[in-house]
Amino acid sequence: MNARFASDRGLTGRMVVTMFLLGLLYVVFVGVLIALGVQALAVLVLAGGLLLVQYFLSDRIALFAMHGREVSPQEAPELHGLIDRLCALADMPKPRVAIADSDVPNAFATGRNQKRAVVCVTTGILRRLEPQELEGVIAHELSHVAHRDVAVMTIASFLGIVAGLMTRFALYSGLAGRRNGGQGGVPVGAIILLVSVLVYAVSFLLTRALSRYRELAADRAGALLTQRPSALASALTKVTGDMARIPTRDLREAEPFNAFYFAPALAKGQSLATLFATHPPLERRLQQLADISAQLGRG
């Protein structure tokens, strides 16, 4: 058996299509701004600066925001041992290991590449999961590292940042009162605002769709690496169920970081809100793992 993370053609295809559509949208958006006579250079420079900061410092920012700290093999020997085994199976460099002191049962991986990667688990998930379940969760997170998901999603979010800044620019710069052709015509600011909001909405939906598929891809890769899809399914069920017992205040504090997490802190369920979700519904994830179990002939 080849235990390394296999290339995922479905993931690669969706990534290429999403990036192409976002790039096309970006070109159209900038073209509209130029046609309207807007000096968009400052906005692009600011958005590019934010992107670079997020890209190069994503590991530090995520650990700081989620109160995680790196731990040595002496501090967490079992966790380090588990990650050592999985990295050997996957034939990949070992990421840094961190623990966040939080009762919210979760885990995340961040870092722009394998050399800068860090895998962080909460004290809540360490208390709740059995070793095989935790192994499935860590394998899921290592798949994100192997496929450079953080870097891809950071770059994919660039257009949304630009559109969001342009929306604020149109609202607060006084541009909304400016009209084409002197006193008559449609306000330039209103056009910019409408186009910016539309571009932001489309880019948001595209990146969220890519994020959901990347979570399914990480589930699949993690299950195949460990050869225990049922353990990952058990971890998903346990983590999602235990979320209901966490105080709502704590969940809301964690919710802004849902895109990083193994499972969302506040799941919206099956509805129109699924379009805006960072993760696919629990039922979809469990069904995929059940299919993998059937293919392997065991759990």
C-alpha atoms as a PDB file:
ATOM      1  CA  MET A   1       0.000   0.000   0.000  1.00  0.00           C
ATOM      2  CA  ASN A   2       1.269   3.481  -0.834  1.00  0.00           C
ATOM      3  CA  ALA A   3       0.452   5.402   2.339  1.00  0.00           C
ATOM      4  CA  ARG A   4       1.562   8.815   1.099  1.00  0.00           C
ATOM      5  CA  PHE A   5      -1.017  11.512   0.438  1.00  0.00           C
ATOM      6  CA  ALA A   6      -2.039  10.796  -3.126  1.00  0.00           C
ATOM      7  CA  SER A   7      -2.644  13.570  -5.632  1.00  0.00           C
ATOM      8  CA  ASP A   8      -6.309  14.520  -5.802  1.00  0.00           C
ATOM      9  CA  ARG A   9      -7.418  15.248  -9.360  1.00  0.00           C
ATOM     10  CA  GLY A  10     -10.831  16.459  -8.220  1.00  0.00           C
ATOM     11  CA  LEU A  11      -9.248  18.881  -5.785  1.00  0.00           C
ATOM     12  CA  THR A  12      -6.719  20.094  -8.354  1.00  0.00           C
ATOM     13  CA  GLY A  13      -9.436  20.584 -10.959  1.00  0.00           C
ATOM     14  CA  ARG A  14     -11.681  22.555  -8.646  1.00  0.00           C
ATOM     15  CA  MET A  15      -8.738  24.671  -7.509  1.00  0.00           C
ATOM     16  CA  VAL A  16      -7.773  25.519 -11.093  1.00  0.00           C
ATOM     17  CA  VAL A  17     -11.364  26.356 -12.075  1.00  0.00           C
ATOM     18  CA  THR A  18     -11.919  28.480  -8.962  1.00  0.00           C
ATOM     19  CA  MET A  19      -8.655  30.377  -9.436  1.00  0.00           C
ATOM     20  CA  PHE A  20      -9.475  30.960 -13.113  1.00  0.00           C
ATOM     21  CA  LEU A  21     -12.921  32.326 -12.284  1.00  0.00           C
ATOM     22  CA  LEU A  22     -11.524  34.516  -9.518  1.00  0.00           C
ATOM     23  CA  GLY A  23      -8.812  35.800 -11.869  1.00  0.00           C
ATOM     24  CA  LEU A  24     -11.376  36.562 -14.566  1.00  0.00           C
ATOM     25  CA  LEU A  25     -13.563  38.322 -12.032  1.00  0.00           C
ATOM     26  CA  TYR A  26     -10.555  40.321 -10.856  1.00  0.00           C
ATOM     27  CA  VAL A  27      -9.722  41.486 -14.396  1.00  0.00           C
ATOM     28  CA  VAL A  28     -13.332  42.531 -15.035  1.00  0.00           C
ATOM     29  CA  PHE A  29     -13.527  44.298 -11.675  1.00  0.00           C
ATOM     30  CA  VAL A  30     -10.325  46.304 -12.233  1.00  0.00           C
ATOM     31  CA  GLY A  31     -11.441  47.097 -15.782  1.00  0.00           C
ATOM     32  CA  VAL A  32     -14.726  48.531 -14.511  1.00  0.00           C
ATOM     33  CA  LEU A  33     -12.911  50.641 -11.926  1.00  0.00           C
ATOM     34  CA  ILE A  34     -10.519  52.027 -14.535  1.00  0.00           C
ATOM     35  CA  ALA A  35     -13.422  52.755 -16.910  1.00  0.00           C
ATOM     36  CA  LEU A  36     -15.087  54.729 -14.129  1.00  0.00           C
ATOM     37  CA  GLY A  37     -11.934  56.742 -13.618  1.00  0.00           C
ATOM     38  CA  VAL A  38     -11.209  55.384 -10.164  1.00  0.00           C
ATOM     39  CA  GLN A  39      -7.604  55.460  -8.967  1.00  0.00           C
ATOM     40  CA  ALA A  40      -7.601  51.915  -7.620  1.00  0.00           C
ATOM     41  CA  LEU A  41      -3.824  51.668  -7.160  1.00  0.00           C
ATOM     42  CA  ALA A  42      -3.919  52.590  -3.466  1.00  0.00           C
ATOM     43  CA  VAL A  43      -6.604  49.995  -2.783  1.00  0.00           C
ATOM     44  CA  LEU A  44      -4.676  47.300  -4.669  1.00  0.00           C
ATOM     45  CA  VAL A  45      -1.465  48.117  -2.809  1.00  0.00           C
ATOM     46  CA  LEU A  46      -3.257  48.015   0.552  1.00  0.00           C
ATOM     47  CA  ALA A  47      -4.985  44.734  -0.303  1.00  0.00           C
ATOM     48  CA  GLY A  48      -1.706  43.281  -1.551  1.00  0.00           C
ATOM     49  CA  GLY A  49      -0.007  44.305   1.683  1.00  0.00           C
ATOM     50  CA  LEU A  50      -2.700  42.621   3.751  1.00  0.00           C
ATOM     51  CA  LEU A  51      -2.385  39.497   1.606  1.00  0.00           C
ATOM     52  CA  LEU A  52       1.389  39.348   2.087  1.00  0.00           C
ATOM     53  CA  VAL A  53       1.095  39.777   5.847  1.00  0.00           C
ATOM     54  CA  GLN A  54      -1.528  37.033   6.011  1.00  0.00           C
ATOM     55  CA  TYR A  55       0.505  34.775   3.694  1.00  0.00           C
ATOM     56  CA  PHE A  56       3.861  35.078   5.443  1.00  0.00           C
ATOM     57  CA  LEU A  57       2.623  35.345   9.036  1.00  0.00           C
ATOM     58  CA  SER A  58      -0.402  33.036   8.917  1.00  0.00           C
ATOM     59  CA  ASP A  59       1.102  30.578  11.397  1.00  0.00           C
ATOM     60  CA  ARG A  60       1.920  33.246  13.996  1.00  0.00           C
ATOM     61  CA  ILE A  61      -1.380  35.070  13.530  1.00  0.00           C
ATOM     62  CA  ALA A  62      -3.448  31.889  13.896  1.00  0.00           C
ATOM     63  CA  LEU A  63      -1.613  30.702  17.010  1.00  0.00           C
ATOM     64  CA  PHE A  64      -1.867  34.132  18.626  1.00  0.00           C
ATOM     65  CA  ALA A  65      -5.564  34.523  17.798  1.00  0.00           C
ATOM     66  CA  MET A  66      -6.450  31.044  19.077  1.00  0.00           C
ATOM     67  CA  HIS A  67      -4.197  31.186  22.149  1.00  0.00           C
ATOM     68  CA  GLY A  68      -2.076  28.255  20.997  1.00  0.00           C
ATOM     69  CA  ARG A  69       1.490  27.625  22.102  1.00  0.00           C
ATOM     70  CA  GLU A  70       4.115  25.315  20.704  1.00  0.00           C
ATOM     71  CA  VAL A  71       4.908  22.282  22.832  1.00  0.00           C
ATOM     72  CA  SER A  72       8.034  20.140  22.925  1.00  0.00           C
ATOM     73  CA  PRO A  73       8.158  16.316  22.789  1.00  0.00           C
ATOM     74  CA  GLN A  74       8.856  16.375  26.519  1.00  0.00           C
ATOM     75  CA  GLU A  75       5.677  18.387  27.202  1.00  0.00           C
ATOM     76  CA  ALA A  76       3.386  16.306  24.951  1.00  0.00           C
ATOM     77  CA  PRO A  77       5.111  12.986  24.165  1.00  0.00           C
ATOM     78  CA  GLU A  78       1.976  11.109  23.024  1.00  0.00           C
ATOM     79  CA  LEU A  79       0.870  13.880  20.668  1.00  0.00           C
ATOM     80  CA  HIS A  80       4.364  14.211  19.196  1.00  0.00           C
ATOM     81  CA  GLY A  81       4.629  10.446  18.828  1.00  0.00           C
ATOM     82  CA  LEU A  82       1.329  10.279  16.951  1.00  0.00           C
ATOM     83  CA  ILE A  83       2.382  13.065  14.577  1.00  0.00           C
ATOM     84  CA  ASP A  84       5.798  11.441  14.082  1.00  0.00           C
ATOM     85  CA  ARG A  85       4.132   8.202  12.954  1.00  0.00           C
ATOM     86  CA  LEU A  86       1.734   9.907  10.586  1.00  0.00           C
ATOM     87  CA  CYS A  87       4.469  12.062   9.036  1.00  0.00           C
ATOM     88  CA  ALA A  88       6.539   8.915   8.459  1.00  0.00           C
ATOM     89  CA  LEU A  89       3.552   7.277   6.756  1.00  0.00           C
ATOM     90  CA  ALA A  90       2.906  10.349   4.631  1.00  0.00           C
ATOM     91  CA  ASP A  91       6.629  10.858   3.886  1.00  0.00           C
ATOM     92  CA  MET A  92       6.425  14.543   4.782  1.00  0.00           C
ATOM     93  CA  PRO A  93       8.361  16.878   7.103  1.00  0.00           C
ATOM     94  CA  LYS A  94       7.055  17.071  10.636  1.00  0.00           C
ATOM     95  CA  PRO A  95       5.238  20.348  11.357  1.00  0.00           C
ATOM     96  CA  ARG A  96       5.551  22.232  14.600  1.00  0.00           C
ATOM     97  CA  VAL A  97       3.139  21.024  17.267  1.00  0.00           C
ATOM     98  CA  ALA A  98       0.976  23.301  19.400  1.00  0.00           C
ATOM     99  CA  ILE A  99      -1.797  23.055  21.977  1.00  0.00           C
ATOM    100  CA  ALA A 100      -4.510  25.661  22.602  1.00  0.00           C
ATOM    101  CA  ASP A 101      -6.018  25.848  26.054  1.00  0.00           C
ATOM    102  CA  SER A 102      -9.690  25.747  25.068  1.00  0.00           C
ATOM    103  CA  ASP A 103     -12.580  23.460  25.955  1.00  0.00           C
ATOM    104  CA  VAL A 104     -13.905  23.783  22.383  1.00  0.00           C
ATOM    105  CA  PRO A 105     -12.967  20.371  20.881  1.00  0.00           C
ATOM    106  CA  ASN A 106     -11.096  21.181  17.687  1.00  0.00           C
ATOM    107  CA  ALA A 107      -7.835  21.187  15.745  1.00  0.00           C
ATOM    108  CA  PHE A 108      -6.328  23.180  12.912  1.00  0.00           C
ATOM    109  CA  ALA A 109      -3.276  23.425  10.669  1.00  0.00           C
ATOM    110  CA  THR A 110      -1.746  26.612   9.360  1.00  0.00           C
ATOM    111  CA  GLY A 111       1.388  27.878   7.653  1.00  0.00           C
ATOM    112  CA  ARG A 112       2.143  28.791   4.044  1.00  0.00           C
ATOM    113  CA  ASN A 113       4.217  25.652   3.356  1.00  0.00           C
ATOM    114  CA  GLN A 114       5.385  22.434   4.982  1.00  0.00           C
ATOM    115  CA  LYS A 115       8.469  24.088   6.486  1.00  0.00           C
ATOM    116  CA  ARG A 116       6.370  26.786   8.183  1.00  0.00           C
ATOM    117  CA  ALA A 117       3.453  24.542   9.103  1.00  0.00           C
ATOM    118  CA  VAL A 118       2.044  24.070  12.581  1.00  0.00           C
ATOM    119  CA  VAL A 119      -0.641  21.634  13.723  1.00  0.00           C
ATOM    120  CA  CYS A 120      -2.554  22.726  16.794  1.00  0.00           C
ATOM    121  CA  VAL A 121      -5.076  20.785  18.891  1.00  0.00           C
ATOM    122  CA  THR A 122      -7.186  22.083  21.746  1.00  0.00           C
ATOM    123  CA  THR A 123      -7.123  20.657  25.246  1.00  0.00           C
ATOM    124  CA  GLY A 124     -10.831  19.992  24.737  1.00  0.00           C
ATOM    125  CA  ILE A 125     -10.269  17.582  21.851  1.00  0.00           C
ATOM    126  CA  LEU A 126      -7.385  15.850  23.645  1.00  0.00           C
ATOM    127  CA  ARG A 127      -9.689  15.088  26.579  1.00  0.00           C
ATOM    128  CA  ARG A 128     -12.535  13.772  24.466  1.00  0.00           C
ATOM    129  CA  LEU A 129     -11.034  11.614  21.714  1.00  0.00           C
ATOM    130  CA  GLU A 130      -9.595   8.137  21.787  1.00  0.00           C
ATOM    131  CA  PRO A 131      -6.083   7.719  20.271  1.00  0.00           C
ATOM    132  CA  GLN A 132      -7.378   6.303  16.961  1.00  0.00           C
ATOM    133  CA  GLU A 133      -9.939   9.115  16.659  1.00  0.00           C
ATOM    134  CA  LEU A 134      -7.275  11.745  17.334  1.00  0.00           C
ATOM    135  CA  GLU A 135      -5.060  10.047  14.762  1.00  0.00           C
ATOM    136  CA  GLY A 136      -7.791  10.525  12.154  1.00  0.00           C
ATOM    137  CA  VAL A 137      -8.138  14.210  13.030  1.00  0.00           C
ATOM    138  CA  ILE A 138      -4.390  14.813  12.841  1.00  0.00           C
ATOM    139  CA  ALA A 139      -4.192  12.968   9.498  1.00  0.00           C
ATOM    140  CA  HIS A 140      -6.931  15.291   8.213  1.00  0.00           C
ATOM    141  CA  GLU A 141      -4.914  18.324   9.294  1.00  0.00           C
ATOM    142  CA  LEU A 142      -1.674  16.972   7.822  1.00  0.00           C
ATOM    143  CA  SER A 143      -3.497  16.630   4.498  1.00  0.00           C
ATOM    144  CA  HIS A 144      -4.188  20.379   4.612  1.00  0.00           C
ATOM    145  CA  VAL A 145      -0.465  20.931   5.136  1.00  0.00           C
ATOM    146  CA  ALA A 146       0.545  18.556   2.319  1.00  0.00           C
ATOM    147  CA  HIS A 147      -1.861  20.213  -0.131  1.00  0.00           C
ATOM    148  CA  ARG A 148      -0.862  23.763   0.939  1.00  0.00           C
ATOM    149  CA  ASP A 149      -4.464  24.623   1.655  1.00  0.00           C
ATOM    150  CA  VAL A 150      -3.660  27.673   3.788  1.00  0.00           C
ATOM    151  CA  ALA A 151      -1.611  29.269   1.002  1.00  0.00           C
ATOM    152  CA  VAL A 152      -4.262  28.475  -1.620  1.00  0.00           C
ATOM    153  CA  MET A 153      -7.147  29.879   0.443  1.00  0.00           C
ATOM    154  CA  THR A 154      -5.135  32.981   1.355  1.00  0.00           C
ATOM    155  CA  ILE A 155      -4.482  33.749  -2.303  1.00  0.00           C
ATOM    156  CA  ALA A 156      -8.093  32.945  -3.225  1.00  0.00           C
ATOM    157  CA  SER A 157      -9.319  35.471  -0.668  1.00  0.00           C
ATOM    158  CA  PHE A 158      -7.404  38.360  -2.290  1.00  0.00           C
ATOM    159  CA  LEU A 159     -10.223  39.460  -4.586  1.00  0.00           C
ATOM    160  CA  GLY A 160     -12.680  39.505  -1.696  1.00  0.00           C
ATOM    161  CA  ILE A 161     -10.317  41.766   0.249  1.00  0.00           C
ATOM    162  CA  VAL A 162     -10.053  44.169  -2.716  1.00  0.00           C
ATOM    163  CA  ALA A 163     -13.826  44.252  -3.245  1.00  0.00           C
ATOM    164  CA  GLY A 164     -14.429  44.801   0.468  1.00  0.00           C
ATOM    165  CA  LEU A 165     -11.973  47.703   0.556  1.00  0.00           C
ATOM    166  CA  MET A 166     -13.518  49.237  -2.554  1.00  0.00           C
ATOM    167  CA  THR A 167     -16.962  49.018  -0.934  1.00  0.00           C
ATOM    168  CA  ARG A 168     -15.692  50.967   2.061  1.00  0.00           C
ATOM    169  CA  PHE A 169     -13.867  53.375  -0.241  1.00  0.00           C
ATOM    170  CA  ALA A 170     -17.084  54.159  -2.113  1.00  0.00           C
ATOM    171  CA  LEU A 171     -19.072  54.572   1.095  1.00  0.00           C
ATOM    172  CA  TYR A 172     -16.690  56.760   3.045  1.00  0.00           C
ATOM    173  CA  SER A 173     -14.662  58.750   0.498  1.00  0.00           C
ATOM    174  CA  GLY A 174     -17.456  60.987  -0.705  1.00  0.00           C
ATOM    175  CA  LEU A 175     -17.358  59.310  -4.101  1.00  0.00           C
ATOM    176  CA  ALA A 176     -21.042  58.421  -3.802  1.00  0.00           C
ATOM    177  CA  GLY A 177     -21.975  62.012  -4.531  1.00  0.00           C
ATOM    178  CA  ARG A 178     -19.934  62.258  -7.716  1.00  0.00           C
ATOM    179  CA  ARG A 179     -21.888  61.925 -10.963  1.00  0.00           C
ATOM    180  CA  ASN A 180     -21.002  61.165 -14.536  1.00  0.00           C
ATOM    181  CA  GLY A 181     -21.325  64.237 -16.757  1.00  0.00           C
ATOM    182  CA  GLY A 182     -21.383  66.902 -14.080  1.00  0.00           C
ATOM    183  CA  GLN A 183     -24.694  67.304 -12.274  1.00  0.00           C
ATOM    184  CA  GLY A 184     -26.568  64.681 -14.256  1.00  0.00           C
ATOM    185  CA  GLY A 185     -26.153  60.954 -14.652  1.00  0.00           C
ATOM    186  CA  VAL A 186     -25.775  58.080 -12.291  1.00  0.00           C
ATOM    187  CA  PRO A 187     -23.540  58.581  -9.216  1.00  0.00           C
ATOM    188  CA  VAL A 188     -20.155  56.971  -9.823  1.00  0.00           C
ATOM    189  CA  GLY A 189     -19.997  55.917  -6.182  1.00  0.00           C
ATOM    190  CA  ALA A 190     -23.270  54.006  -6.491  1.00  0.00           C
ATOM    191  CA  ILE A 191     -21.915  52.052  -9.480  1.00  0.00           C
ATOM    192  CA  ILE A 192     -18.665  51.266  -7.677  1.00  0.00           C
ATOM    193  CA  LEU A 193     -20.573  50.215  -4.576  1.00  0.00           C
ATOM    194  CA  LEU A 194     -22.894  47.929  -6.543  1.00  0.00           C
ATOM    195  CA  VAL A 195     -20.059  46.335  -8.561  1.00  0.00           C
ATOM    196  CA  SER A 196     -17.888  45.901  -5.458  1.00  0.00           C
ATOM    197  CA  VAL A 197     -20.667  44.228  -3.498  1.00  0.00           C
ATOM    198  CA  LEU A 198     -21.447  41.925  -6.437  1.00  0.00           C
ATOM    199  CA  VAL A 199     -17.769  40.989  -6.894  1.00  0.00           C
ATOM    200  CA  TYR A 200     -17.370  40.390  -3.172  1.00  0.00           C
ATOM    201  CA  ALA A 201     -20.449  38.137  -3.100  1.00  0.00           C
ATOM    202  CA  VAL A 202     -19.324  36.043  -6.090  1.00  0.00           C
ATOM    203  CA  SER A 203     -15.735  35.693  -4.830  1.00  0.00           C
ATOM    204  CA  PHE A 204     -17.040  34.814  -1.354  1.00  0.00           C
ATOM    205  CA  LEU A 205     -19.237  32.022  -2.730  1.00  0.00           C
ATOM    206  CA  LEU A 206     -16.419  30.671  -4.918  1.00  0.00           C
ATOM    207  CA  THR A 207     -13.882  30.551  -2.073  1.00  0.00           C
ATOM    208  CA  ARG A 208     -16.415  28.978   0.321  1.00  0.00           C
ATOM    209  CA  ALA A 209     -17.251  26.286  -2.248  1.00  0.00           C
ATOM    210  CA  LEU A 210     -13.528  25.568  -2.640  1.00  0.00           C
ATOM    211  CA  SER A 211     -13.125  25.483   1.159  1.00  0.00           C
ATOM    212  CA  ARG A 212     -15.911  22.901   1.519  1.00  0.00           C
ATOM    213  CA  TYR A 213     -14.384  20.657  -1.118  1.00  0.00           C
ATOM    214  CA  ARG A 214     -10.951  20.963   0.479  1.00  0.00           C
ATOM    215  CA  GLU A 215     -12.435  19.712   3.753  1.00  0.00           C
ATOM    216  CA  LEU A 216     -13.900  16.679   1.975  1.00  0.00           C
ATOM    217  CA  ALA A 217     -10.539  16.092   0.278  1.00  0.00           C
ATOM    218  CA  ALA A 218      -8.747  16.264   3.655  1.00  0.00           C
ATOM    219  CA  ASP A 219     -11.232  13.790   5.163  1.00  0.00           C
ATOM    220  CA  ARG A 220     -10.638  11.400   2.270  1.00  0.00           C
ATOM    221  CA  ALA A 221      -6.846  11.749   2.375  1.00  0.00           C
ATOM    222  CA  GLY A 222      -6.735  11.351   6.152  1.00  0.00           C
ATOM    223  CA  ALA A 223      -8.944   8.256   6.088  1.00  0.00           C
ATOM    224  CA  LEU A 224      -6.844   6.627   3.371  1.00  0.00           C
ATOM    225  CA  LEU A 225      -3.598   7.448   5.168  1.00  0.00           C
ATOM    226  CA  THR A 226      -4.684   5.825   8.437  1.00  0.00           C
ATOM    227  CA  GLN A 227      -6.852   3.175   6.725  1.00  0.00           C
ATOM    228  CA  ARG A 228      -9.400   3.811   9.497  1.00  0.00           C
ATOM    229  CA  PRO A 229     -12.242   5.920   8.053  1.00  0.00           C
ATOM    230  CA  SER A 230     -14.556   4.772  10.859  1.00  0.00           C
ATOM    231  CA  ALA A 231     -12.225   6.329  13.456  1.00  0.00           C
ATOM    232  CA  LEU A 232     -12.362   9.677  11.661  1.00  0.00           C
ATOM    233  CA  ALA A 233     -16.148   9.378  11.371  1.00  0.00           C
ATOM    234  CA  SER A 234     -16.349   8.674  15.100  1.00  0.00           C
ATOM    235  CA  ALA A 235     -14.201  11.735  15.826  1.00  0.00           C
ATOM    236  CA  LEU A 236     -16.403  13.918  13.615  1.00  0.00           C
ATOM    237  CA  THR A 237     -19.566  12.690  15.310  1.00  0.00           C
ATOM    238  CA  LYS A 238     -18.121  13.095  18.792  1.00  0.00           C
ATOM    239  CA  VAL A 239     -16.670  16.568  18.177  1.00  0.00           C
ATOM    240  CA  THR A 240     -19.831  17.866  16.510  1.00  0.00           C
ATOM    241  CA  GLY A 241     -22.048  16.413  19.245  1.00  0.00           C
ATOM    242  CA  ASP A 242     -19.918  17.813  22.049  1.00  0.00           C
ATOM    243  CA  MET A 243     -20.069  21.298  20.498  1.00  0.00           C
ATOM    244  CA  ALA A 244     -23.663  21.491  21.725  1.00  0.00           C
ATOM    245  CA  ARG A 245     -22.417  21.232  25.313  1.00  0.00           C
ATOM    246  CA  ILE A 246     -19.986  24.149  24.967  1.00  0.00           C
ATOM    247  CA  PRO A 247     -21.298  27.543  26.184  1.00  0.00           C
ATOM    248  CA  THR A 248     -22.582  29.640  23.293  1.00  0.00           C
ATOM    249  CA  ARG A 249     -20.288  32.507  24.266  1.00  0.00           C
ATOM    250  CA  ASP A 250     -17.218  30.306  23.798  1.00  0.00           C
ATOM    251  CA  LEU A 251     -18.511  29.000  20.467  1.00  0.00           C
ATOM    252  CA  ARG A 252     -19.120  32.519  19.179  1.00  0.00           C
ATOM    253  CA  GLU A 253     -15.574  33.482  20.127  1.00  0.00           C
ATOM    254  CA  ALA A 254     -14.303  30.520  18.105  1.00  0.00           C
ATOM    255  CA  GLU A 255     -16.656  30.996  15.135  1.00  0.00           C
ATOM    256  CA  PRO A 256     -14.511  33.588  13.253  1.00  0.00           C
ATOM    257  CA  PHE A 257     -11.831  30.899  12.900  1.00  0.00           C
ATOM    258  CA  ASN A 258     -14.133  28.218  11.470  1.00  0.00           C
ATOM    259  CA  ALA A 259     -12.225  28.150   8.170  1.00  0.00           C
ATOM    260  CA  PHE A 260      -9.173  26.839  10.044  1.00  0.00           C
ATOM    261  CA  TYR A 261     -10.944  24.255  12.190  1.00  0.00           C
ATOM    262  CA  PHE A 262     -11.428  20.518  11.755  1.00  0.00           C
ATOM    263  CA  ALA A 263     -15.137  21.071  12.449  1.00  0.00           C
ATOM    264  CA  PRO A 264     -17.029  24.394  12.571  1.00  0.00           C
ATOM    265  CA  ALA A 265     -17.741  25.822  16.018  1.00  0.00           C
ATOM    266  CA  LEU A 266     -21.285  26.755  15.001  1.00  0.00           C
ATOM    267  CA  ALA A 267     -22.745  24.620  12.216  1.00  0.00           C
ATOM    268  CA  LYS A 268     -25.701  25.995  10.263  1.00  0.00           C
ATOM    269  CA  GLY A 269     -27.134  22.685   9.064  1.00  0.00           C
ATOM    270  CA  GLN A 270     -28.794  21.936   5.752  1.00  0.00           C
ATOM    271  CA  SER A 271     -30.250  25.132   4.348  1.00  0.00           C
ATOM    272  CA  LEU A 272     -29.390  28.071   2.139  1.00  0.00           C
ATOM    273  CA  ALA A 273     -26.735  28.880   4.764  1.00  0.00           C
ATOM    274  CA  THR A 274     -24.787  25.840   3.510  1.00  0.00           C
ATOM    275  CA  LEU A 275     -23.702  28.014   0.560  1.00  0.00           C
ATOM    276  CA  PHE A 276     -21.922  30.316   3.017  1.00  0.00           C
ATOM    277  CA  ALA A 277     -20.391  27.546   5.142  1.00  0.00           C
ATOM    278  CA  THR A 278     -16.663  26.813   5.328  1.00  0.00           C
ATOM    279  CA  HIS A 279     -17.337  23.087   5.856  1.00  0.00           C
ATOM    280  CA  PRO A 280     -19.707  20.617   4.184  1.00  0.00           C
ATOM    281  CA  PRO A 281     -22.612  19.283   6.272  1.00  0.00           C
ATOM    282  CA  LEU A 282     -21.733  16.556   8.780  1.00  0.00           C
ATOM    283  CA  GLU A 283     -23.979  14.080   6.922  1.00  0.00           C
ATOM    284  CA  ARG A 284     -22.021  14.608   3.699  1.00  0.00           C
ATOM    285  CA  ARG A 285     -18.698  14.027   5.450  1.00  0.00           C
ATOM    286  CA  LEU A 286     -19.926  10.889   7.201  1.00  0.00           C
ATOM    287  CA  GLN A 287     -21.372   9.490   3.970  1.00  0.00           C
ATOM    288  CA  GLN A 288     -18.044   9.919   2.203  1.00  0.00           C
ATOM    289  CA  LEU A 289     -16.242   8.118   5.046  1.00  0.00           C
ATOM    290  CA  ALA A 290     -18.814   5.309   4.945  1.00  0.00           C
ATOM    291  CA  ASP A 291     -18.182   4.935   1.204  1.00  0.00           C
ATOM    292  CA  ILE A 292     -14.432   4.741   1.837  1.00  0.00           C
ATOM    293  CA  SER A 293     -15.036   2.088   4.507  1.00  0.00           C
ATOM    294  CA  ALA A 294     -17.006   0.046   1.980  1.00  0.00           C
ATOM    295  CA  GLN A 295     -14.234   0.398  -0.600  1.00  0.00           C
ATOM    296  CA  LEU A 296     -11.587  -0.711   1.893  1.00  0.00           C
ATOM    297  CA  GLY A 297     -13.796  -3.564   3.070  1.00  0.00           C
ATOM    298  CA  ARG A 298     -13.401  -2.547   6.693  1.00  0.00           C
ATOM    299  CA  GLY A 299     -13.629   0.496   9.014  1.00  0.00           C
END
